[in-house]
Protein backbone atom coordinates (compact mmCIF):
# COMPACT_ATOMS: atom_id res chain seq x y z
CA UNK A 1 -44.89 12.26 -61.53
CA UNK A 2 -44.29 12.56 -64.51
CA UNK A 3 -40.95 13.83 -66.12
CA UNK A 4 -42.23 16.88 -67.84
CA UNK A 5 -44.03 17.67 -64.34
CA UNK A 6 -40.43 17.60 -62.79
CA UNK A 7 -38.92 19.42 -65.18
CA UNK A 8 -41.59 22.35 -64.52
CA UNK A 9 -40.96 22.18 -60.70
CA UNK A 10 -37.29 22.28 -61.53
CA UNK A 11 -38.15 25.30 -63.78
CA UNK A 12 -39.84 27.18 -61.01
CA UNK A 13 -37.07 26.48 -58.40
CA UNK A 14 -34.36 27.79 -61.18
CA UNK A 15 -36.78 30.98 -61.70
CA UNK A 16 -36.99 31.29 -57.91
CA UNK A 17 -34.61 30.07 -55.76
CA UNK A 18 -34.54 32.23 -52.92
CA UNK A 19 -37.84 31.27 -51.56
CA UNK A 20 -37.24 27.22 -52.17
CA UNK A 21 -34.21 27.49 -50.42
CA UNK A 22 -35.70 29.24 -46.98
CA UNK A 23 -38.61 26.78 -47.64
CA UNK A 24 -35.66 24.09 -47.24
CA UNK A 25 -33.85 26.26 -44.56
CA UNK A 26 -37.79 26.40 -42.43
CA UNK A 27 -38.43 22.91 -43.12
CA UNK A 28 -34.83 21.01 -41.70
CA UNK A 29 -34.81 23.35 -38.40
CA UNK A 30 -38.52 22.65 -37.70
CA UNK A 31 -38.10 19.13 -38.56
CA UNK A 32 -35.09 19.12 -36.05
CA UNK A 33 -37.62 20.95 -33.42
CA UNK A 34 -39.63 18.24 -33.94
CA UNK A 35 -36.68 15.77 -33.30
CA UNK A 36 -36.01 17.60 -30.09
CA UNK A 37 -39.55 17.85 -28.98
CA UNK A 38 -41.13 19.22 -26.00
CA UNK A 39 -38.80 18.34 -23.56
CA UNK A 40 -35.32 19.87 -22.92
CA UNK A 41 -32.50 17.40 -22.51
CA UNK A 42 -28.25 18.36 -22.09
CA UNK A 43 -28.04 16.95 -26.27
CA UNK A 44 -24.19 17.36 -27.52
CA UNK A 45 -23.45 20.74 -27.90
CA UNK A 46 -26.13 22.46 -26.45
CA UNK A 47 -26.50 21.60 -22.76
CA UNK A 48 -27.13 25.60 -22.01
CA UNK A 49 -30.57 25.34 -23.13
CA UNK A 50 -31.40 23.17 -20.07
CA UNK A 51 -30.45 26.26 -18.29
CA UNK A 52 -32.37 28.69 -20.20
CA UNK A 53 -35.55 26.65 -20.30
CA UNK A 54 -35.06 26.33 -16.06
CA UNK A 55 -34.30 30.53 -16.23
CA UNK A 56 -37.83 31.10 -18.32
CA UNK A 57 -39.37 29.34 -15.60
CA UNK A 58 -38.53 30.75 -12.29
CA UNK A 59 -38.65 34.69 -14.78
CA UNK A 60 -43.01 33.39 -15.35
CA UNK A 61 -43.28 32.34 -12.00
CA UNK A 62 -42.24 35.53 -10.46
CA UNK A 63 -38.91 34.89 -9.01
CA UNK A 64 -37.03 36.66 -11.28
CA UNK A 65 -33.32 36.17 -13.45
CA UNK A 66 -32.83 33.04 -10.68
CA UNK A 67 -32.81 29.40 -9.79
CA UNK A 68 -34.72 27.17 -7.68
CA UNK A 69 -31.27 25.01 -6.36
CA UNK A 70 -27.66 25.56 -6.43
CA UNK A 71 -26.60 26.22 -10.30
CA UNK A 72 -24.47 26.36 -13.02
CA UNK A 73 -21.38 28.36 -12.19
CA UNK A 74 -21.98 28.03 -8.80
CA UNK A 75 -24.86 30.38 -8.07
CA UNK A 76 -26.74 29.45 -4.81
CA UNK A 77 -30.50 28.78 -4.87
CA UNK A 78 -32.74 32.16 -5.46
CA UNK A 79 -29.47 34.19 -5.53
CA UNK A 80 -29.61 36.65 -8.48
CA UNK A 81 -27.49 35.49 -11.58
CA UNK A 82 -26.99 37.86 -14.95
CA UNK A 83 -24.85 34.50 -15.91
CA UNK A 84 -27.14 34.04 -18.86
CA UNK A 85 -28.26 36.20 -22.13
CA UNK A 86 -31.43 38.29 -20.75
CA UNK A 87 -33.17 38.96 -23.89
CA UNK A 88 -32.99 35.36 -24.73
CA UNK A 89 -34.53 34.30 -21.43
CA UNK A 90 -36.99 36.83 -21.99
CA UNK A 91 -38.05 35.46 -25.50
CA UNK A 92 -38.11 32.54 -24.06
CA UNK A 93 -40.54 33.46 -21.05
CA UNK A 94 -42.73 35.31 -23.44
CA UNK A 95 -42.94 32.50 -25.46
CA UNK A 96 -44.54 30.46 -22.37
CA UNK A 97 -46.61 33.03 -21.08
CA UNK A 98 -48.36 33.02 -24.18
CA UNK A 99 -48.15 29.10 -25.05
CA UNK A 100 -47.45 27.92 -21.65
CA UNK A 101 -43.88 25.94 -20.67
CA UNK A 102 -43.67 24.02 -24.17
CA UNK A 103 -40.45 23.72 -25.32
CA UNK A 104 -41.62 23.13 -28.77
CA UNK A 105 -43.34 26.09 -29.18
CA UNK A 106 -40.17 28.39 -28.69
CA UNK A 107 -38.22 25.74 -31.20
CA UNK A 108 -40.74 25.65 -34.07
CA UNK A 109 -40.75 30.20 -33.85
CA UNK A 110 -37.09 29.91 -33.12
CA UNK A 111 -36.20 27.66 -36.52
CA UNK A 112 -39.23 29.69 -38.32
CA UNK A 113 -37.50 33.11 -37.48
CA UNK A 114 -34.19 32.07 -37.94
CA UNK A 115 -34.88 29.57 -41.07
CA UNK A 116 -35.90 32.74 -43.30
CA UNK A 117 -33.43 35.50 -41.66
CA UNK A 118 -30.43 33.64 -41.70
CA UNK A 119 -30.15 32.21 -45.24
CA UNK A 120 -31.59 35.43 -46.31
CA UNK A 121 -28.79 37.68 -44.59
CA UNK A 122 -26.24 35.32 -46.11
CA UNK A 123 -27.86 36.00 -49.66
CA UNK A 124 -27.81 39.68 -49.44
CA UNK A 125 -24.32 39.83 -48.27
CA UNK A 126 -23.07 37.03 -51.08
CA UNK A 127 -24.99 39.08 -53.49
CA UNK A 128 -23.31 42.31 -52.04
CA UNK A 129 -19.73 41.09 -52.10
CA UNK A 130 -19.56 39.26 -55.32
CA UNK A 131 -22.68 38.49 -57.66
CA UNK A 132 -26.19 37.08 -57.03
CA UNK A 133 -25.58 33.28 -57.89
CA UNK A 134 -22.83 33.71 -55.22
CA UNK A 135 -25.46 35.02 -52.70
CA UNK A 136 -28.06 32.22 -53.75
CA UNK A 137 -24.92 29.48 -53.51
CA UNK A 138 -24.32 30.93 -49.70
CA UNK A 139 -28.12 30.70 -49.14
CA UNK A 140 -28.28 27.34 -50.02
CA UNK A 141 -25.53 26.27 -47.57
CA UNK A 142 -26.75 28.01 -45.08
CA UNK A 143 -29.61 25.96 -45.10
CA UNK A 144 -28.43 22.87 -45.29
CA UNK A 145 -25.39 23.54 -43.02
CA UNK A 146 -25.89 21.03 -40.34
CA UNK A 147 -24.29 23.08 -37.48
CA UNK A 148 -26.88 25.67 -38.21
CA UNK A 149 -30.34 23.65 -38.73
CA UNK A 150 -28.78 21.52 -35.33
CA UNK A 151 -28.73 24.73 -33.55
CA UNK A 152 -31.40 26.29 -34.95
CA UNK A 153 -33.84 24.36 -33.46
CA UNK A 154 -32.16 24.54 -29.65
CA UNK A 155 -33.38 26.63 -26.76
CA UNK A 156 -29.74 28.64 -26.84
CA UNK A 157 -28.64 32.41 -27.96
CA UNK A 158 -26.56 31.00 -30.98
CA UNK A 159 -29.44 30.88 -34.13
CA UNK A 160 -30.76 34.27 -33.38
CA UNK A 161 -26.86 35.81 -32.79
CA UNK A 162 -25.23 34.38 -35.42
CA UNK A 163 -27.96 35.93 -37.84
CA UNK A 164 -27.65 39.50 -35.68
CA UNK A 165 -24.00 38.83 -36.35
CA UNK A 166 -24.34 38.87 -40.00
CA UNK A 167 -27.18 41.87 -40.06
CA UNK A 168 -24.52 44.06 -37.94
CA UNK A 169 -21.30 42.97 -40.80
CA UNK A 170 -24.49 43.53 -43.95
CA UNK A 171 -25.50 47.61 -42.61
CA UNK A 172 -21.58 47.61 -41.37
CA UNK A 173 -20.57 47.56 -45.29
CA UNK A 174 -23.62 49.62 -46.08
CA UNK A 175 -22.58 52.34 -44.44
CA UNK A 176 -19.22 52.43 -45.48
CA UNK A 177 -20.24 52.04 -49.03
CA UNK A 178 -23.12 55.02 -48.87
CA UNK A 179 -22.67 57.49 -50.63
CA UNK A 180 -25.71 59.17 -50.18
CA UNK A 181 -26.38 61.56 -46.91
CA UNK A 182 -29.65 60.32 -46.27
CA UNK A 183 -29.28 57.73 -46.21
CA UNK A 184 -26.61 57.21 -43.56
CA UNK A 185 -29.00 57.49 -40.64
CA UNK A 186 -31.16 54.57 -41.64
CA UNK A 187 -27.38 53.11 -41.81
CA UNK A 188 -26.94 54.04 -38.60
CA UNK A 189 -30.44 52.96 -37.22
CA UNK A 190 -30.22 49.62 -38.67
CA UNK A 191 -26.59 49.03 -37.65
CA UNK A 192 -27.07 50.06 -34.35
CA UNK A 193 -30.27 48.07 -33.47
CA UNK A 194 -29.01 44.97 -34.91
CA UNK A 195 -25.09 45.46 -32.84
CA UNK A 196 -27.89 46.32 -29.66
CA UNK A 197 -29.47 42.63 -30.26
CA UNK A 198 -26.07 40.54 -30.70
CA UNK A 199 -24.91 42.24 -28.12
CA UNK A 200 -27.74 40.89 -25.88
CA UNK A 201 -27.53 37.48 -26.86
CA UNK A 202 -23.81 37.05 -26.08
CA UNK A 203 -21.85 40.40 -24.57
CA UNK A 204 -18.34 39.17 -26.28
CA UNK A 205 -19.34 41.01 -29.68
CA UNK A 206 -18.56 44.29 -28.02
CA UNK A 207 -14.88 43.47 -28.43
CA UNK A 208 -15.48 43.74 -32.42
CA UNK A 209 -17.28 46.90 -32.43
CA UNK A 210 -14.32 48.77 -32.54
CA UNK A 211 -12.87 46.88 -35.12
CA UNK A 212 -16.26 47.51 -36.96
CA UNK A 213 -16.52 51.28 -36.39
CA UNK A 214 -12.64 51.90 -37.57
CA UNK A 215 -12.92 50.18 -40.82
CA UNK A 216 -16.16 51.84 -41.58
CA UNK A 217 -14.21 55.27 -41.21
CA UNK A 218 -10.96 54.13 -42.70
CA UNK A 219 -12.73 52.85 -45.55
CA UNK A 220 -14.81 56.39 -45.53
CA UNK A 221 -11.61 58.24 -45.49
CA UNK A 222 -10.31 55.91 -48.44
CA UNK A 223 -13.35 56.50 -50.57
CA UNK A 224 -12.80 60.57 -50.12
CA UNK A 225 -16.79 60.43 -48.27
CA UNK A 226 -17.72 62.35 -45.60
CA UNK A 227 -17.22 60.57 -41.83
CA UNK A 228 -19.83 58.97 -40.96
CA UNK A 229 -20.09 60.98 -37.50
CA UNK A 230 -23.82 61.27 -36.98
CA UNK A 231 -24.79 57.92 -38.06
CA UNK A 232 -22.05 56.50 -35.92
CA UNK A 233 -23.62 58.45 -33.31
CA UNK A 234 -26.69 57.08 -33.40
CA UNK A 235 -25.50 53.38 -33.65
CA UNK A 236 -23.54 53.89 -30.98
CA UNK A 237 -26.49 55.77 -28.78
CA UNK A 238 -28.74 52.97 -30.03
CA UNK A 239 -26.30 49.74 -28.72
CA UNK A 240 -26.27 52.20 -25.27
CA UNK A 241 -29.54 52.24 -25.08
CA UNK A 242 -30.02 48.35 -25.38
CA UNK A 243 -27.55 47.90 -23.07
CA UNK A 244 -28.17 50.64 -20.33
CA UNK A 245 -31.47 48.95 -18.67
CA UNK A 246 -29.39 45.42 -18.24
CA UNK A 247 -26.52 47.62 -16.24
CA UNK A 248 -29.01 49.31 -14.14
CA UNK A 249 -31.11 46.22 -13.37
CA UNK A 250 -27.88 44.54 -12.29
CA UNK A 251 -26.46 47.32 -10.35
CA UNK A 252 -29.82 47.13 -8.34
CA UNK A 253 -29.41 42.99 -7.35
CA UNK A 254 -25.33 42.98 -7.24
CA UNK A 255 -25.05 46.56 -6.17
CA UNK A 256 -22.14 47.26 -8.21
CA UNK A 257 -21.60 47.72 -11.84
CA UNK A 258 -21.62 44.90 -14.19
CA UNK A 259 -22.26 45.65 -17.92
CA UNK A 260 -24.25 43.04 -19.09
CA UNK A 261 -23.30 39.81 -17.80
CA UNK A 262 -21.59 37.54 -14.98
CA UNK A 263 -19.50 35.17 -17.25
CA UNK A 264 -16.32 36.49 -18.96
CA UNK A 265 -14.12 36.10 -15.90
CA UNK A 266 -15.08 32.62 -15.25
CA UNK A 267 -14.67 31.81 -18.62
CA UNK A 268 -10.56 33.68 -18.49
CA UNK A 269 -10.45 31.93 -15.34
CA UNK A 270 -11.48 28.43 -16.05
CA UNK A 271 -9.59 29.01 -19.81
CA UNK A 272 -6.15 29.72 -18.00
CA UNK A 273 -6.14 27.57 -14.98
CA UNK A 274 -3.06 25.47 -14.49
CA UNK A 275 -5.18 22.32 -14.31
CA UNK A 276 -4.68 22.41 -18.32
CA UNK A 277 -0.98 22.85 -18.58
CA UNK A 278 0.12 23.83 -21.63
CA UNK A 279 -2.89 21.34 -23.41
CA UNK A 280 -6.05 22.80 -23.22
CA UNK A 281 -8.64 20.69 -22.18
CA UNK A 282 -11.91 21.86 -23.98
CA UNK A 283 -14.73 20.08 -21.68
CA UNK A 284 -14.06 19.27 -18.30
CA UNK A 285 -16.35 17.99 -15.77
CA UNK A 286 -18.67 20.24 -14.39
CA UNK A 287 -17.93 19.11 -10.74
CA UNK A 288 -14.21 20.05 -11.67
CA UNK A 289 -15.03 23.64 -12.61
CA UNK A 290 -16.72 23.97 -9.48
CA UNK A 291 -13.98 22.42 -7.83
CA UNK A 292 -11.20 25.23 -9.68
CA UNK A 293 -12.79 27.79 -7.65
CA UNK A 294 -10.69 28.61 -4.59
CA UNK A 295 -12.81 28.41 -1.32
CA UNK A 296 -11.68 31.66 0.20
CA UNK A 297 -13.99 33.50 -2.78
CA UNK A 298 -17.07 31.15 -2.68
CA UNK A 299 -18.98 33.56 -0.32
CA UNK A 300 -19.11 36.35 -3.07
CA UNK A 301 -21.75 36.76 -5.13
CA UNK A 302 -22.36 35.85 -8.84
CA UNK A 303 -20.89 39.48 -10.04
CA UNK A 304 -18.21 39.87 -7.14
CA UNK A 305 -16.90 36.20 -7.89
CA UNK A 306 -16.38 37.05 -11.40
CA UNK A 307 -14.58 40.01 -11.16
CA UNK A 308 -12.82 38.15 -8.42
CA UNK A 309 -11.63 34.93 -10.96
CA UNK A 310 -10.99 37.46 -14.06
CA UNK A 311 -8.33 39.08 -11.72
CA UNK A 312 -6.72 35.74 -11.15
CA UNK A 313 -7.19 34.58 -14.08
CA UNK A 314 -5.21 36.95 -15.76
CA UNK A 315 -2.48 36.38 -12.70
CA UNK A 316 -2.10 33.28 -14.57
CA UNK A 317 -0.99 34.87 -17.76
CA UNK A 318 1.68 37.11 -15.70
CA UNK A 319 2.81 34.85 -13.46
CA UNK A 320 3.52 32.65 -16.26
CA UNK A 321 3.45 34.07 -19.70
CA UNK A 322 5.27 31.39 -21.46
CA UNK A 323 2.89 28.99 -20.72
CA UNK A 324 -0.25 31.43 -21.58
CA UNK A 325 1.52 31.36 -25.21
CA UNK A 326 1.98 27.82 -25.57
CA UNK A 327 -1.69 27.44 -23.93
CA UNK A 328 -3.14 29.40 -26.68
CA UNK A 329 -1.74 28.07 -29.24
CA UNK A 330 -2.87 24.49 -28.24
CA UNK A 331 -6.42 26.32 -28.73
CA UNK A 332 -6.08 26.47 -32.66
CA UNK A 333 -6.56 22.81 -33.17
CA UNK A 334 -9.96 21.99 -30.94
CA UNK A 335 -11.42 25.47 -32.45
CA UNK A 336 -10.53 24.87 -36.38
CA UNK A 337 -11.92 21.04 -35.38
CA UNK A 338 -13.64 19.43 -38.75
CA UNK A 339 -12.52 15.71 -38.12
CA UNK A 340 -13.80 12.57 -36.62
CA UNK A 341 -13.06 11.92 -32.89
CA UNK A 342 -13.99 8.35 -31.10
CA UNK A 343 -14.26 10.79 -28.24
CA UNK A 344 -17.23 12.45 -29.58
CA UNK A 345 -21.00 11.16 -30.24
CA UNK A 346 -22.33 9.90 -33.46
CA UNK A 347 -24.39 13.44 -33.52
CA UNK A 348 -21.64 15.38 -32.93
CA UNK A 349 -19.26 13.51 -35.62
CA UNK A 350 -22.19 13.95 -38.17
CA UNK A 351 -22.61 17.82 -37.54
CA UNK A 352 -18.78 18.76 -37.57
CA UNK A 353 -17.71 16.34 -40.73
CA UNK A 354 -21.19 17.30 -42.65
CA UNK A 355 -20.73 21.03 -42.03
CA UNK A 356 -17.29 22.43 -41.73
CA UNK A 357 -15.55 19.63 -42.89
CA UNK A 358 -17.49 19.03 -45.44
CA UNK A 359 -17.14 23.33 -46.79
CA UNK A 360 -13.98 24.13 -45.17
CA UNK A 361 -11.96 23.86 -48.34
CA UNK A 362 -14.72 25.61 -50.36
CA UNK A 363 -14.11 28.24 -47.62
CA UNK A 364 -10.45 28.34 -47.85
CA UNK A 365 -10.40 27.83 -51.79
CA UNK A 366 -13.21 31.08 -51.74
CA UNK A 367 -11.07 33.50 -49.53
CA UNK A 368 -7.94 33.16 -52.23
CA UNK A 369 -10.38 33.59 -55.02
CA UNK A 370 -11.73 36.67 -53.49
CA UNK A 371 -7.61 37.44 -52.54
CA UNK A 372 -6.52 37.28 -55.65
CA UNK A 373 -9.64 39.21 -57.77
CA UNK A 374 -8.84 41.83 -55.28
CA UNK A 375 -4.78 41.82 -56.07
CA UNK A 376 -5.90 42.06 -59.84
CA UNK A 377 -8.38 44.69 -59.56
CA UNK A 378 -6.64 46.96 -56.91
CA UNK A 379 -3.27 46.23 -57.06
CA UNK A 380 -1.58 43.67 -54.64
CA UNK A 381 -2.14 45.87 -51.68
CA UNK A 382 -2.83 44.87 -48.38
CA UNK A 383 -4.87 47.55 -47.32
CA UNK A 384 -7.11 47.33 -50.35
CA UNK A 385 -8.06 43.96 -49.06
CA UNK A 386 -8.69 44.54 -46.01
CA UNK A 387 -10.40 47.49 -46.13
CA UNK A 388 -12.67 45.89 -48.87
CA UNK A 389 -16.01 44.45 -48.45
CA UNK A 390 -14.64 40.99 -48.13
CA UNK A 391 -11.55 42.38 -46.18
CA UNK A 392 -14.19 43.24 -43.07
CA UNK A 393 -15.89 39.76 -43.21
CA UNK A 394 -11.84 38.26 -42.84
CA UNK A 395 -11.06 40.84 -40.38
CA UNK A 396 -14.13 39.64 -38.31
CA UNK A 397 -13.08 35.98 -38.73
CA UNK A 398 -9.80 36.53 -37.77
CA UNK A 399 -10.63 39.13 -34.59
CA UNK A 400 -13.45 37.10 -33.22
CA UNK A 401 -11.60 33.70 -33.88
CA UNK A 402 -8.32 35.27 -31.77
CA UNK A 403 -10.66 36.31 -28.85
CA UNK A 404 -11.71 32.55 -28.06
CA UNK A 405 -8.27 31.60 -28.93
CA UNK A 406 -6.75 33.90 -26.49
CA UNK A 407 -8.94 32.47 -23.35
CA UNK A 408 -11.51 29.60 -24.33
CA UNK A 409 -12.62 27.53 -26.52
CA UNK A 410 -15.24 25.12 -27.93
CA UNK A 411 -16.29 24.57 -31.73
CA UNK A 412 -19.88 26.14 -30.95
CA UNK A 413 -17.90 29.47 -30.52
CA UNK A 414 -16.38 29.15 -34.19
CA UNK A 415 -19.88 28.65 -35.59
CA UNK A 416 -20.31 32.25 -36.08
CA UNK A 417 -17.32 32.64 -38.15
CA UNK A 418 -18.20 29.59 -39.99
CA UNK A 419 -21.18 31.62 -41.22
CA UNK A 420 -19.14 34.43 -42.46
CA UNK A 421 -17.41 32.61 -44.45
CA UNK A 422 -19.64 30.82 -46.18
CA UNK A 423 -20.04 33.32 -48.97
CA UNK A 424 -16.53 32.50 -49.83
CA UNK A 425 -17.42 29.14 -50.05
CA UNK A 426 -20.43 30.42 -52.08
CA UNK A 427 -17.74 31.92 -54.16
CA UNK A 428 -15.91 28.71 -54.68
CA UNK A 429 -18.73 26.51 -55.32
CA UNK A 430 -19.58 29.22 -58.08
CA UNK A 431 -16.21 29.88 -59.81
CA UNK A 432 -15.80 25.21 -60.04
CA UNK A 433 -19.41 24.58 -61.72
CA UNK A 434 -18.44 27.58 -63.83
CA UNK A 435 -14.96 25.87 -64.66
CA UNK A 436 -16.61 22.62 -65.04
CA UNK A 437 -19.91 23.98 -67.49
CA UNK A 438 -16.87 25.73 -69.63
CA UNK A 439 -14.95 22.12 -69.93
CA UNK A 440 -18.32 20.52 -70.67
CA UNK A 441 -20.97 22.52 -71.94
CA UNK A 442 -22.69 19.05 -72.97
CA UNK A 443 -23.65 18.79 -69.62
CA UNK A 444 -25.74 22.23 -69.94
CA UNK A 445 -26.54 22.06 -73.53
CA UNK A 446 -28.46 17.86 -72.87
CA UNK A 447 -30.58 19.61 -70.27
CA UNK A 448 -31.45 22.12 -72.95
CA UNK A 449 -32.81 20.07 -75.45
CA UNK A 450 -34.70 17.97 -73.12
CA UNK A 451 -38.62 17.79 -73.85
């Protein structure tokens, strides 16, 4: 290939960068999908895919949401389970029904969908908050972020969940800024659908919804725009419509109210158990978690046990609040872990350092630039920052991180925060490049003179 043709390709990419970025994102995720193959194994950080695969096989086999043997956490064979996302299990079940029980088919389709939608919504958020250039850089970072293309091919909720969170935040921003009453309902519908999908993938997002609506309403008040009563109602009704089938289904099987999934009680119990002392241990052997569950409650079904463990977990906190505070503080380092660890596999170290470790400095610098810019444009006032679109992303990062720091921490639980902070990394990179071009304009001039 000649130098002229190389330059033509480069000019095409420069002229239409987003399609190129999306293509790279898809190719990376599809490559990982083929590397993982048509089998399901407990790879580092994605061992839950074994459960989702087996659960989907049970569903298409006519056994419903259950396992054929004793399964995590301690659900007996053939007993109903609501521990896993119904929506993602149904996704796998649909793919297995159409193409046979081939995990590779589900991986590839997921890689394509997420490879397009995730960088695209990162672009839209970056463009909305800062500029088109920042949006493109945010999309580029998202495309090559090691964690994202690794998880993009894993049979787990994370890829769709993270993408759905970004859509929820984007439509929340659009609703808060909208001045056209005719578009209010459209944004309310879009917000409701994106939140509903997000919650069905992982119910923990429910805890952020009150913050999101409060933020939207306060922004509208501060902008002296009509309160979004009807679009908010539409969004809430849609969320309820997404959740209600699972709630009714759970009641029919367990004979008790279970909103969505039976996992929050287990997580809070395990995450705050005295076995940790005052220093949280992110991952214990599987049998240790099972042994921690008291014998006198093991006869309970999964839903009843989840609720009982939640009560006991809360009791751990009330019995020794000082220990709980120190234990929660000890969860901060593993939550934000970006450094090499001899206890981790090579794959885990590469993923961690090549994504969060590489881009964390830019995320922090981008946040600082955003705070500085907001202070210059709107005054050095905390509320002006909080109720800006950038403030919503920061609010999500703080609230979502706080939820996990106070309960149970794993690195993959932080990935939605990574995704939300990437537009700030894009802002930082654009600002740094602009500085370089200002101080060394000959770099750009040399490229422009080349034939």
